Amino acid sequence: MGDSTNGLVTAAAGLIHDGAGRVLLIQQNYGRRRWGLPGGRVNSGETPVHAVIREVRMETGLETAVIDLVGLYHLCGGDDGLPEQLTYAFRCEVVGGEASVNLPSKVAHVGWYDPRTLPSPTTPSVPIVVPDSASGRSGVVRDIVRAATPAPV
């Protein structure tokens, strides 16, 4: 299970852009099947850099190298019962492999998308983190408040 302190989960996400500036996204194969960045929880005793490389490989089959830290994103709020999460979002480059669904139990689709026309629905962080990365920003620190889940009609 991911490392957490006082209910705060630590995660790592990879921002991988191709030569055309598109970003690699994965579609979850569970829940609301949202589109998100490849990544996941940082395991106990693991660094965020090692976690993002492991998670990207596991989910997409790509071998990557971390270029820099786009930012730290604190995900909080909402009424979905999810814990607060601190995500290290790393800009990564591909050093081997081809992007594909490598973990079908977790990932339904893998695709490259223009940062201005992202698929829907996305995880709460994608509309914030992807533009930060696409614009070349580094060292960003942001709080992202999850929206409340709409009540059933």
N, C-alpha and C. Protein backbone atom coordinates (compact mmCIF):
# COMPACT_ATOMS: atom_id res chain seq x y z
N MET A 1 0.85 -1.17 0.00
CA MET A 1 0.00 0.00 0.00
C MET A 1 0.89 1.23 0.00
N GLY A 2 0.38 2.33 -0.50
CA GLY A 2 1.16 3.56 -0.60
C GLY A 2 1.49 4.12 0.76
N ASP A 3 2.57 4.87 0.80
CA ASP A 3 3.00 5.51 2.02
C ASP A 3 2.04 6.65 2.34
N SER A 4 1.60 6.73 3.58
CA SER A 4 0.75 7.85 3.98
C SER A 4 1.08 8.25 5.40
N THR A 5 0.94 9.52 5.66
CA THR A 5 1.18 10.06 6.98
C THR A 5 -0.04 10.88 7.34
N ASN A 6 -0.66 10.56 8.48
CA ASN A 6 -1.85 11.28 8.92
C ASN A 6 -2.91 11.34 7.83
N GLY A 7 -3.11 10.26 7.08
CA GLY A 7 -4.14 10.21 6.06
C GLY A 7 -3.75 10.84 4.74
N LEU A 8 -2.54 11.34 4.62
CA LEU A 8 -2.08 11.95 3.37
C LEU A 8 -1.33 10.89 2.56
N VAL A 9 -1.85 10.58 1.38
CA VAL A 9 -1.23 9.60 0.50
C VAL A 9 -0.23 10.32 -0.40
N THR A 10 0.92 9.71 -0.60
CA THR A 10 1.94 10.27 -1.50
C THR A 10 1.92 9.49 -2.80
N ALA A 11 1.89 10.22 -3.92
CA ALA A 11 1.82 9.60 -5.23
C ALA A 11 2.81 10.30 -6.17
N ALA A 12 3.05 9.66 -7.32
CA ALA A 12 3.92 10.23 -8.35
C ALA A 12 3.24 10.03 -9.69
N ALA A 13 3.32 11.05 -10.56
CA ALA A 13 2.72 11.00 -11.89
C ALA A 13 3.73 11.42 -12.93
N GLY A 14 3.63 10.81 -14.11
CA GLY A 14 4.55 11.12 -15.20
C GLY A 14 3.88 11.93 -16.29
N LEU A 15 4.51 13.04 -16.66
CA LEU A 15 4.05 13.85 -17.79
C LEU A 15 5.01 13.58 -18.93
N ILE A 16 4.49 12.88 -19.93
CA ILE A 16 5.30 12.46 -21.07
C ILE A 16 4.71 13.11 -22.31
N HIS A 17 5.50 13.94 -22.98
CA HIS A 17 5.05 14.62 -24.19
C HIS A 17 5.79 14.04 -25.39
N ASP A 18 5.08 13.95 -26.52
CA ASP A 18 5.74 13.48 -27.74
C ASP A 18 6.27 14.68 -28.52
N GLY A 19 6.86 14.43 -29.68
CA GLY A 19 7.45 15.49 -30.49
C GLY A 19 6.46 16.54 -30.96
N ALA A 20 5.17 16.18 -31.00
CA ALA A 20 4.13 17.12 -31.42
C ALA A 20 3.54 17.88 -30.23
N GLY A 21 4.06 17.63 -29.03
CA GLY A 21 3.57 18.33 -27.84
C GLY A 21 2.38 17.66 -27.17
N ARG A 22 1.96 16.51 -27.71
CA ARG A 22 0.84 15.80 -27.09
C ARG A 22 1.30 15.13 -25.79
N VAL A 23 0.36 14.93 -24.88
CA VAL A 23 0.66 14.32 -23.59
C VAL A 23 0.06 12.91 -23.56
N LEU A 24 0.77 12.00 -22.91
CA LEU A 24 0.30 10.62 -22.77
C LEU A 24 -0.65 10.53 -21.58
N LEU A 25 -1.86 10.02 -21.84
CA LEU A 25 -2.85 9.80 -20.79
C LEU A 25 -3.30 8.36 -20.82
N ILE A 26 -3.75 7.89 -19.66
CA ILE A 26 -4.31 6.55 -19.56
C ILE A 26 -5.76 6.68 -19.09
N GLN A 27 -6.61 5.77 -19.56
CA GLN A 27 -7.98 5.75 -19.09
C GLN A 27 -8.11 4.61 -18.08
N GLN A 28 -8.61 4.94 -16.91
CA GLN A 28 -8.78 3.96 -15.86
C GLN A 28 -9.78 2.89 -16.30
N ASN A 29 -9.56 1.67 -15.86
CA ASN A 29 -10.44 0.56 -16.19
C ASN A 29 -11.32 0.21 -14.98
N TYR A 30 -11.68 1.22 -14.20
CA TYR A 30 -12.50 1.02 -13.00
C TYR A 30 -13.20 2.33 -12.68
N GLY A 31 -14.13 2.30 -11.77
CA GLY A 31 -14.82 3.51 -11.32
C GLY A 31 -15.45 4.27 -12.47
N ARG A 32 -15.17 5.55 -12.52
CA ARG A 32 -15.74 6.43 -13.55
C ARG A 32 -14.95 6.41 -14.85
N ARG A 33 -13.93 5.54 -14.93
CA ARG A 33 -13.11 5.37 -16.13
C ARG A 33 -12.54 6.72 -16.61
N ARG A 34 -12.02 7.46 -15.66
CA ARG A 34 -11.45 8.78 -15.96
C ARG A 34 -10.10 8.66 -16.65
N TRP A 35 -9.77 9.69 -17.41
CA TRP A 35 -8.47 9.81 -18.04
C TRP A 35 -7.53 10.49 -17.06
N GLY A 36 -6.33 9.97 -16.91
CA GLY A 36 -5.36 10.54 -15.99
C GLY A 36 -3.94 10.34 -16.48
N LEU A 37 -3.03 10.78 -15.69
CA LEU A 37 -1.61 10.61 -15.98
C LEU A 37 -1.16 9.24 -15.49
N PRO A 38 -0.21 8.62 -16.19
CA PRO A 38 0.32 7.37 -15.65
C PRO A 38 1.03 7.67 -14.32
N GLY A 39 0.82 6.80 -13.35
CA GLY A 39 1.45 6.99 -12.05
C GLY A 39 0.65 6.29 -10.97
N GLY A 40 1.08 6.49 -9.75
CA GLY A 40 0.40 5.86 -8.63
C GLY A 40 1.09 6.16 -7.32
N ARG A 41 0.71 5.42 -6.32
CA ARG A 41 1.23 5.64 -4.97
C ARG A 41 2.72 5.35 -4.88
N VAL A 42 3.36 6.10 -3.99
CA VAL A 42 4.76 5.86 -3.66
C VAL A 42 4.78 4.83 -2.54
N ASN A 43 5.44 3.71 -2.78
CA ASN A 43 5.52 2.66 -1.77
C ASN A 43 6.45 3.06 -0.63
N SER A 44 6.21 2.48 0.54
CA SER A 44 7.06 2.72 1.69
C SER A 44 8.51 2.37 1.34
N GLY A 45 9.44 3.25 1.65
CA GLY A 45 10.85 3.02 1.36
C GLY A 45 11.26 3.34 -0.06
N GLU A 46 10.34 3.85 -0.87
CA GLU A 46 10.59 4.16 -2.28
C GLU A 46 10.60 5.67 -2.47
N THR A 47 11.45 6.17 -3.35
CA THR A 47 11.43 7.60 -3.65
C THR A 47 10.36 7.88 -4.70
N PRO A 48 9.86 9.12 -4.76
CA PRO A 48 8.90 9.47 -5.81
C PRO A 48 9.45 9.24 -7.23
N VAL A 49 10.74 9.47 -7.44
CA VAL A 49 11.34 9.25 -8.77
C VAL A 49 11.25 7.77 -9.14
N HIS A 50 11.62 6.90 -8.22
CA HIS A 50 11.53 5.46 -8.50
C HIS A 50 10.07 5.04 -8.71
N ALA A 51 9.16 5.63 -7.95
CA ALA A 51 7.74 5.28 -8.08
C ALA A 51 7.21 5.65 -9.45
N VAL A 52 7.52 6.83 -9.95
CA VAL A 52 6.97 7.23 -11.25
C VAL A 52 7.54 6.37 -12.37
N ILE A 53 8.82 6.04 -12.31
CA ILE A 53 9.42 5.18 -13.34
C ILE A 53 8.76 3.80 -13.30
N ARG A 54 8.56 3.25 -12.09
CA ARG A 54 7.92 1.94 -11.94
C ARG A 54 6.48 1.95 -12.44
N GLU A 55 5.72 2.96 -12.02
CA GLU A 55 4.31 3.03 -12.39
C GLU A 55 4.12 3.23 -13.89
N VAL A 56 4.91 4.11 -14.51
CA VAL A 56 4.79 4.33 -15.95
C VAL A 56 5.09 3.03 -16.70
N ARG A 57 6.15 2.34 -16.29
CA ARG A 57 6.50 1.05 -16.92
C ARG A 57 5.36 0.05 -16.75
N MET A 58 4.83 -0.05 -15.53
CA MET A 58 3.79 -1.03 -15.23
C MET A 58 2.52 -0.74 -16.03
N GLU A 59 2.13 0.53 -16.15
CA GLU A 59 0.86 0.87 -16.79
C GLU A 59 0.95 0.97 -18.31
N THR A 60 2.09 1.43 -18.84
CA THR A 60 2.18 1.72 -20.28
C THR A 60 3.24 0.92 -21.02
N GLY A 61 4.13 0.24 -20.30
CA GLY A 61 5.22 -0.49 -20.95
C GLY A 61 6.40 0.39 -21.35
N LEU A 62 6.32 1.68 -21.10
CA LEU A 62 7.40 2.60 -21.47
C LEU A 62 8.50 2.64 -20.42
N GLU A 63 9.73 2.70 -20.89
CA GLU A 63 10.87 2.99 -20.02
C GLU A 63 11.09 4.49 -20.11
N THR A 64 11.18 5.14 -18.95
CA THR A 64 11.32 6.60 -18.93
C THR A 64 12.46 7.03 -18.03
N ALA A 65 12.85 8.28 -18.22
CA ALA A 65 13.81 8.94 -17.34
C ALA A 65 13.17 10.25 -16.90
N VAL A 66 13.35 10.61 -15.65
CA VAL A 66 12.80 11.85 -15.11
C VAL A 66 13.69 13.01 -15.56
N ILE A 67 13.05 14.05 -16.12
CA ILE A 67 13.75 15.25 -16.58
C ILE A 67 13.74 16.32 -15.49
N ASP A 68 12.55 16.61 -14.96
CA ASP A 68 12.45 17.58 -13.87
C ASP A 68 11.11 17.44 -13.17
N LEU A 69 10.95 18.20 -12.10
CA LEU A 69 9.72 18.20 -11.33
C LEU A 69 8.84 19.34 -11.82
N VAL A 70 7.70 19.00 -12.40
CA VAL A 70 6.74 20.03 -12.80
C VAL A 70 6.20 20.69 -11.54
N GLY A 71 5.83 19.87 -10.56
CA GLY A 71 5.33 20.46 -9.33
C GLY A 71 4.81 19.45 -8.33
N LEU A 72 4.40 20.00 -7.19
CA LEU A 72 3.75 19.25 -6.12
C LEU A 72 2.30 19.70 -6.09
N TYR A 73 1.40 18.74 -6.16
CA TYR A 73 -0.03 19.02 -6.24
C TYR A 73 -0.73 18.33 -5.08
N HIS A 74 -1.40 19.13 -4.24
CA HIS A 74 -2.10 18.62 -3.07
C HIS A 74 -3.58 18.51 -3.43
N LEU A 75 -4.08 17.28 -3.50
CA LEU A 75 -5.47 17.02 -3.86
C LEU A 75 -6.27 16.82 -2.57
N CYS A 76 -7.31 17.63 -2.40
CA CYS A 76 -8.09 17.56 -1.16
C CYS A 76 -9.54 17.90 -1.45
N GLY A 77 -10.39 17.73 -0.44
CA GLY A 77 -11.79 18.10 -0.55
C GLY A 77 -12.63 17.03 -1.21
N GLY A 78 -13.83 17.41 -1.59
CA GLY A 78 -14.76 16.47 -2.20
C GLY A 78 -15.41 15.58 -1.16
N ASP A 79 -16.38 14.82 -1.60
CA ASP A 79 -17.09 13.93 -0.67
C ASP A 79 -17.03 12.48 -1.16
N ASP A 80 -15.97 12.15 -1.88
CA ASP A 80 -15.86 10.82 -2.48
C ASP A 80 -15.19 9.80 -1.55
N GLY A 81 -14.84 10.22 -0.34
CA GLY A 81 -14.23 9.31 0.61
C GLY A 81 -12.77 9.02 0.35
N LEU A 82 -12.18 9.67 -0.65
CA LEU A 82 -10.77 9.45 -0.95
C LEU A 82 -9.89 10.25 -0.01
N PRO A 83 -8.71 9.74 0.32
CA PRO A 83 -7.81 10.48 1.22
C PRO A 83 -7.17 11.67 0.50
N GLU A 84 -6.65 12.59 1.30
CA GLU A 84 -5.86 13.67 0.72
C GLU A 84 -4.65 13.05 0.06
N GLN A 85 -4.18 13.69 -1.01
CA GLN A 85 -3.06 13.12 -1.76
C GLN A 85 -2.08 14.22 -2.14
N LEU A 86 -0.80 13.94 -1.98
CA LEU A 86 0.26 14.83 -2.44
C LEU A 86 0.94 14.13 -3.60
N THR A 87 0.82 14.71 -4.79
CA THR A 87 1.38 14.10 -5.99
C THR A 87 2.60 14.88 -6.47
N TYR A 88 3.69 14.14 -6.66
CA TYR A 88 4.88 14.66 -7.31
C TYR A 88 4.66 14.45 -8.80
N ALA A 89 4.54 15.52 -9.58
CA ALA A 89 4.32 15.41 -11.02
C ALA A 89 5.65 15.67 -11.73
N PHE A 90 6.17 14.64 -12.38
CA PHE A 90 7.48 14.72 -13.04
C PHE A 90 7.34 14.78 -14.55
N ARG A 91 8.12 15.63 -15.18
CA ARG A 91 8.26 15.62 -16.64
C ARG A 91 9.24 14.50 -16.95
N CYS A 92 8.83 13.59 -17.83
CA CYS A 92 9.64 12.42 -18.15
C CYS A 92 9.88 12.35 -19.65
N GLU A 93 10.96 11.67 -20.03
CA GLU A 93 11.19 11.39 -21.44
C GLU A 93 11.22 9.88 -21.63
N VAL A 94 10.79 9.46 -22.81
CA VAL A 94 10.79 8.04 -23.15
C VAL A 94 12.20 7.63 -23.56
N VAL A 95 12.71 6.56 -22.96
CA VAL A 95 14.02 6.04 -23.33
C VAL A 95 13.91 4.63 -23.93
N GLY A 96 12.70 4.09 -23.98
CA GLY A 96 12.50 2.78 -24.59
C GLY A 96 11.06 2.34 -24.55
N GLY A 97 10.69 1.48 -25.49
CA GLY A 97 9.36 0.90 -25.51
C GLY A 97 8.37 1.70 -26.33
N GLU A 98 7.18 1.14 -26.46
CA GLU A 98 6.05 1.76 -27.15
C GLU A 98 4.88 1.83 -26.18
N ALA A 99 4.18 2.95 -26.19
CA ALA A 99 3.04 3.11 -25.28
C ALA A 99 1.93 2.14 -25.63
N SER A 100 1.50 1.36 -24.65
CA SER A 100 0.41 0.41 -24.84
C SER A 100 -0.21 0.10 -23.48
N VAL A 101 -1.38 -0.52 -23.51
CA VAL A 101 -2.01 -0.96 -22.26
C VAL A 101 -1.19 -2.14 -21.76
N ASN A 102 -0.52 -1.93 -20.65
CA ASN A 102 0.37 -2.96 -20.11
C ASN A 102 -0.20 -3.59 -18.85
N LEU A 103 -1.27 -3.00 -18.31
CA LEU A 103 -1.89 -3.49 -17.08
C LEU A 103 -3.41 -3.40 -17.26
N PRO A 104 -4.01 -4.33 -18.02
CA PRO A 104 -5.43 -4.23 -18.36
C PRO A 104 -6.39 -4.20 -17.17
N SER A 105 -5.98 -4.72 -16.02
CA SER A 105 -6.87 -4.66 -14.85
C SER A 105 -7.03 -3.24 -14.34
N LYS A 106 -6.09 -2.38 -14.64
CA LYS A 106 -6.11 -0.99 -14.16
C LYS A 106 -6.30 0.02 -15.29
N VAL A 107 -5.82 -0.30 -16.49
CA VAL A 107 -5.79 0.65 -17.61
C VAL A 107 -6.62 0.11 -18.77
N ALA A 108 -7.61 0.92 -19.24
CA ALA A 108 -8.45 0.52 -20.37
C ALA A 108 -7.83 0.96 -21.70
N HIS A 109 -7.31 2.19 -21.74
CA HIS A 109 -6.75 2.76 -22.97
C HIS A 109 -5.55 3.63 -22.63
N VAL A 110 -4.65 3.76 -23.61
CA VAL A 110 -3.50 4.65 -23.53
C VAL A 110 -3.54 5.50 -24.80
N GLY A 111 -3.36 6.80 -24.67
CA GLY A 111 -3.38 7.64 -25.87
C GLY A 111 -2.66 8.95 -25.69
N TRP A 112 -2.29 9.55 -26.83
CA TRP A 112 -1.62 10.84 -26.87
C TRP A 112 -2.65 11.91 -27.19
N TYR A 113 -2.66 13.00 -26.40
CA TYR A 113 -3.67 14.04 -26.55
C TYR A 113 -3.05 15.43 -26.54
N ASP A 114 -3.64 16.30 -27.36
CA ASP A 114 -3.25 17.71 -27.36
C ASP A 114 -3.67 18.28 -26.00
N PRO A 115 -2.76 18.98 -25.31
CA PRO A 115 -3.11 19.53 -23.98
C PRO A 115 -4.30 20.48 -24.00
N ARG A 116 -4.64 21.04 -25.17
CA ARG A 116 -5.78 21.96 -25.26
C ARG A 116 -7.10 21.24 -25.50
N THR A 117 -7.05 19.95 -25.87
CA THR A 117 -8.28 19.19 -26.16
C THR A 117 -8.19 17.83 -25.48
N LEU A 118 -8.29 17.82 -24.18
CA LEU A 118 -8.17 16.60 -23.40
C LEU A 118 -9.46 15.80 -23.44
N PRO A 119 -9.36 14.47 -23.37
CA PRO A 119 -10.58 13.64 -23.34
C PRO A 119 -11.33 13.86 -22.03
N SER A 120 -12.54 13.36 -21.97
CA SER A 120 -13.37 13.53 -20.79
C SER A 120 -14.00 12.19 -20.43
N PRO A 121 -14.23 11.93 -19.16
CA PRO A 121 -13.88 12.74 -18.00
C PRO A 121 -12.42 12.52 -17.60
N THR A 122 -11.85 13.49 -16.90
CA THR A 122 -10.48 13.37 -16.42
C THR A 122 -10.46 13.32 -14.90
N THR A 123 -9.33 12.91 -14.37
CA THR A 123 -9.11 13.01 -12.94
C THR A 123 -9.03 14.50 -12.59
N PRO A 124 -9.26 14.89 -11.34
CA PRO A 124 -9.26 16.31 -10.99
C PRO A 124 -7.95 17.04 -11.29
N SER A 125 -6.83 16.34 -11.29
CA SER A 125 -5.55 17.01 -11.48
C SER A 125 -5.19 17.27 -12.94
N VAL A 126 -5.69 16.47 -13.87
CA VAL A 126 -5.27 16.58 -15.27
C VAL A 126 -5.46 17.98 -15.85
N PRO A 127 -6.63 18.64 -15.69
CA PRO A 127 -6.80 19.96 -16.31
C PRO A 127 -5.89 21.05 -15.72
N ILE A 128 -5.24 20.75 -14.62
CA ILE A 128 -4.34 21.72 -13.99
C ILE A 128 -2.88 21.35 -14.26
N VAL A 129 -2.53 20.09 -14.06
CA VAL A 129 -1.15 19.64 -14.20
C VAL A 129 -0.69 19.64 -15.66
N VAL A 130 -1.53 19.17 -16.57
CA VAL A 130 -1.12 19.09 -17.98
C VAL A 130 -0.78 20.47 -18.56
N PRO A 131 -1.60 21.51 -18.37
CA PRO A 131 -1.20 22.83 -18.88
C PRO A 131 0.07 23.38 -18.23
N ASP A 132 0.27 23.08 -16.94
CA ASP A 132 1.52 23.51 -16.29
C ASP A 132 2.71 22.88 -17.00
N SER A 133 2.62 21.59 -17.30
CA SER A 133 3.72 20.89 -17.98
C SER A 133 3.89 21.37 -19.41
N ALA A 134 2.77 21.50 -20.14
CA ALA A 134 2.83 21.89 -21.55
C ALA A 134 3.43 23.28 -21.73
N SER A 135 3.24 24.14 -20.72
CA SER A 135 3.80 25.50 -20.82
C SER A 135 5.25 25.57 -20.34
N GLY A 136 5.80 24.42 -19.93
CA GLY A 136 7.21 24.37 -19.51
C GLY A 136 7.46 24.77 -18.08
N ARG A 137 6.41 24.92 -17.29
CA ARG A 137 6.58 25.32 -15.89
C ARG A 137 7.27 24.22 -15.09
N SER A 138 8.00 24.63 -14.08
CA SER A 138 8.64 23.72 -13.13
C SER A 138 8.53 24.33 -11.75
N GLY A 139 8.54 23.47 -10.73
CA GLY A 139 8.51 23.95 -9.35
C GLY A 139 7.18 24.50 -8.90
N VAL A 140 6.10 24.11 -9.55
CA VAL A 140 4.75 24.57 -9.20
C VAL A 140 4.32 23.91 -7.89
N VAL A 141 3.64 24.65 -7.05
CA VAL A 141 3.03 24.11 -5.83
C VAL A 141 1.58 24.57 -5.84
N ARG A 142 0.65 23.61 -5.88
CA ARG A 142 -0.77 23.96 -5.97
C ARG A 142 -1.63 23.04 -5.11
N ASP A 143 -2.72 23.62 -4.60
CA ASP A 143 -3.79 22.84 -4.00
C ASP A 143 -4.84 22.64 -5.07
N ILE A 144 -5.35 21.41 -5.18
CA ILE A 144 -6.44 21.11 -6.11
C ILE A 144 -7.60 20.59 -5.26
N VAL A 145 -8.70 21.30 -5.31
CA VAL A 145 -9.87 20.92 -4.51
C VAL A 145 -10.77 20.05 -5.39
N ARG A 146 -11.02 18.84 -4.90
CA ARG A 146 -11.94 17.95 -5.61
C ARG A 146 -13.34 18.55 -5.56
N ALA A 147 -14.05 18.44 -6.65
CA ALA A 147 -15.44 18.90 -6.68
C ALA A 147 -16.31 17.92 -5.90
N ALA A 148 -17.35 18.43 -5.34
CA ALA A 148 -18.30 17.57 -4.66
C ALA A 148 -19.02 16.70 -5.68
N THR A 149 -19.32 15.48 -5.31
CA THR A 149 -20.04 14.58 -6.19
C THR A 149 -21.49 15.03 -6.29
N PRO A 150 -22.03 15.19 -7.52
CA PRO A 150 -23.43 15.61 -7.63
C PRO A 150 -24.37 14.58 -7.03
N ALA A 151 -25.41 15.06 -6.38
CA ALA A 151 -26.40 14.15 -5.78
C ALA A 151 -27.22 13.50 -6.89
N PRO A 152 -27.58 12.22 -6.70
CA PRO A 152 -28.42 11.58 -7.71
C PRO A 152 -29.78 12.26 -7.82
N VAL A 153 -30.32 12.27 -9.03
CA VAL A 153 -31.62 12.94 -9.27
C VAL A 153 -32.73 11.96 -9.04
